[in-house]
Structures are given as structure tokens and as C-alpha cells.
């Protein structure tokens, strides 16, 4: 039966935190990064004589290195930090292993809810084998059944010398921890409002109260304004811009492909033009032979002719071979005319045997084309 006389416990702080978290989910990551300079978490866990470093971002954890707890480890971390820029913006967490801390669940009267830390400190030696001055401890409230007259809490504690030594080791590395927790009851990194912290006050990161209030006020104001008038329109515009950018990227790919094809076409045109120019630079064999035939007199004939690479070589017989040099060189088509070998006398015909070479000129090609 419903008990209408039961007290309704309205926890406005929890409601406000939940509401803020839901609004923050709608804020684009780029805007979040403008508000929060720090990104990701660097988790340091002691493993006997070593420190294991892991990086957590967006729910994904990556093991970075295992450092010795000495000067060599300090040097190794300096190299790691110089090569991994994420470490400069990461928030540091000390996470004690199961060998370094313990946890215990307790059921306490509801009246203890308002002053849990002091109640646990006063009764610590009754619940555990330790005295308050021997350990650092933290209290984490647990979910309770509806209408229960008791509250369930988890007490996490660690010997002071263990946490003191770990803190000094990470300070030697140049690290300043945000909080310390226990891997058996790790804090949810995505929910910054429900952290418990094993660090004592003297080890906690000091921040100005005014700075905290201003920062919280600015974040609250930005979230409220975005939720009220900007979030949905900006999101829709963001989606539209994303689609446009995708289309632009596709068009740019097509444009680059067309430019590549145009470049190939231009190269082929240039190559063709070069071949045509080269062809025009020398006369055709027909023009060259016609010219040579016109220059030779009727008493002179050729027995051999070879043309290659703009160079002509002829052999034959003539009654006056020496006069051929001037005759051939007088033509625009030939230059550098000369005998290749000495002129000899053919005993049967009585004519002179000659072997002449000449270069075929471009001027002759133009003239021959005309």
C-alpha cells in the first residue's frame, strides 16, 4: 500500500547535475574543447617497483608505458611527454591497485548521511583493523532500496605510506594528480560530479574559489543559452554543412581527376607538336632526292646513297669529282659538303670514283616545302 506520509527527499543538486550532463551531451565537441582546455585522462597505476601509464579518452584506454620508480623512469617519462602532445592536456589520475587499497561496504543509519566522513573516521577502527591516523580513506554512497532506514556506503582506504610514496613518485615526474581512486571501485571518468578522492587536503590541487565560481557560472550560462536558443539550430546547420562539405569533397575529387586527364592530354599535344616540329625541321626524302638529281649532270651518276639523322652520304663516278663539292654546297638543302675518302680513277670507264658526305639543313626544308 502506498504510504502518503513518507518524506519525499528532493535532491536538487543531483537533479541539477543530471540536467547539466544531459545538456552537455548536446554541445558539439569543438565547443566543449573551447570551454575545457584539458582533454583525456592519464591514469597512473603502481605495479610493485613500476608505474603503469594509460591514456583514456572517449571511453577508450591505451597503455602508454611502464616506468621504473627512479631516475630512469623520470627520464623515460620526459621522452614520452616530448613525443606525445596529449600528455600536456591530460588530467592525471592516481589509481591504486588491489595490492595497495581495500574497500568495504557498510550499512549506516540515515542520520549519518549528512556527516559521513566524520562518522566513518570516528568508527573506522571498529569497521576495519586500521586507525584513522594510519590510512587515507574516502566514502562513496551506494544506491539504497526505497523506504530503507539505512544508507549503504562503500569505504575505500589505503595505508598512508603507500599513497605518500606514490604521490612523491608522480611529483618527481612533474605530475599533479586530479584525484586518487582504487581500481576495484574506479571513479566513472565521464561523471565528474560523483568522484570520490583518496588524496588528503595537502595533496589536492589548489584552485581559487572565485575562479571555480566564475568558471562554473560561465559553463552554466553557455549550456543554458545553447540549450535554449542555439543547440538544435546549430546542430541542424552542422549536419547541412557536413553534407555540403562531403559533396564539395566529391566535386573536388572529380575536379582533380579532370585536371589530371587534362594534364595528360596537354602532354600528348605537346609531344605531338614536338614530333611535327622535328618532322618539319628536315626535308622529306623525296624533296632531297629530287634536289640531288637536279644538281647532278648527265655525265655523273650515283652508285650508292644513304640518308640518316640529317646526314647524307653518296658514292658514284664523274669526270670531274672536285666540281661536285661546289655544285652540291650551292644548294640551300646541303651544307658541310666534303669528300670522305680520296678520289680514285676507274681504269675501265676512265671516270673518277668519289664518296661525298653532306648535312641536310632546315633552311632547305622550308624552301622545299614552299
Foldseek 3Di string as FASTA:
>chain_A
DDDPPDDDDDDVVVVVLVVLLVLVVLDDPVVVCVLQVAFWAWEWEDDPQWIWTWTDHPRDIGTDDIAGLDPRRLVVLVVVCVVDVNVVRHAYEYAYEPVFKDKDKDKAFPVCVVPVVVVCQVCVVVVDVDHNVQKQKWKAWDDDDPPDRITMIMIMIGGPVVVVSVLVSVVSSVHQHQAYYYPVDDDDPSRPVRDIHRDDPVRHDDDDPVVVVVSVVVSVVVSVVCVPPNSVVVVVVVVVVVVVVVVVVVVVVVVVVVVVVVVVVVVVVVVVVVVVVVVLFFADPVLVVVVVVVLDDPQWDWDDWDDDDQKIKTKTWHQDVVVSQVSVCVALQWDPKDFPDDWDADVVVRTIITMIMTGGGSVNSVVSVD
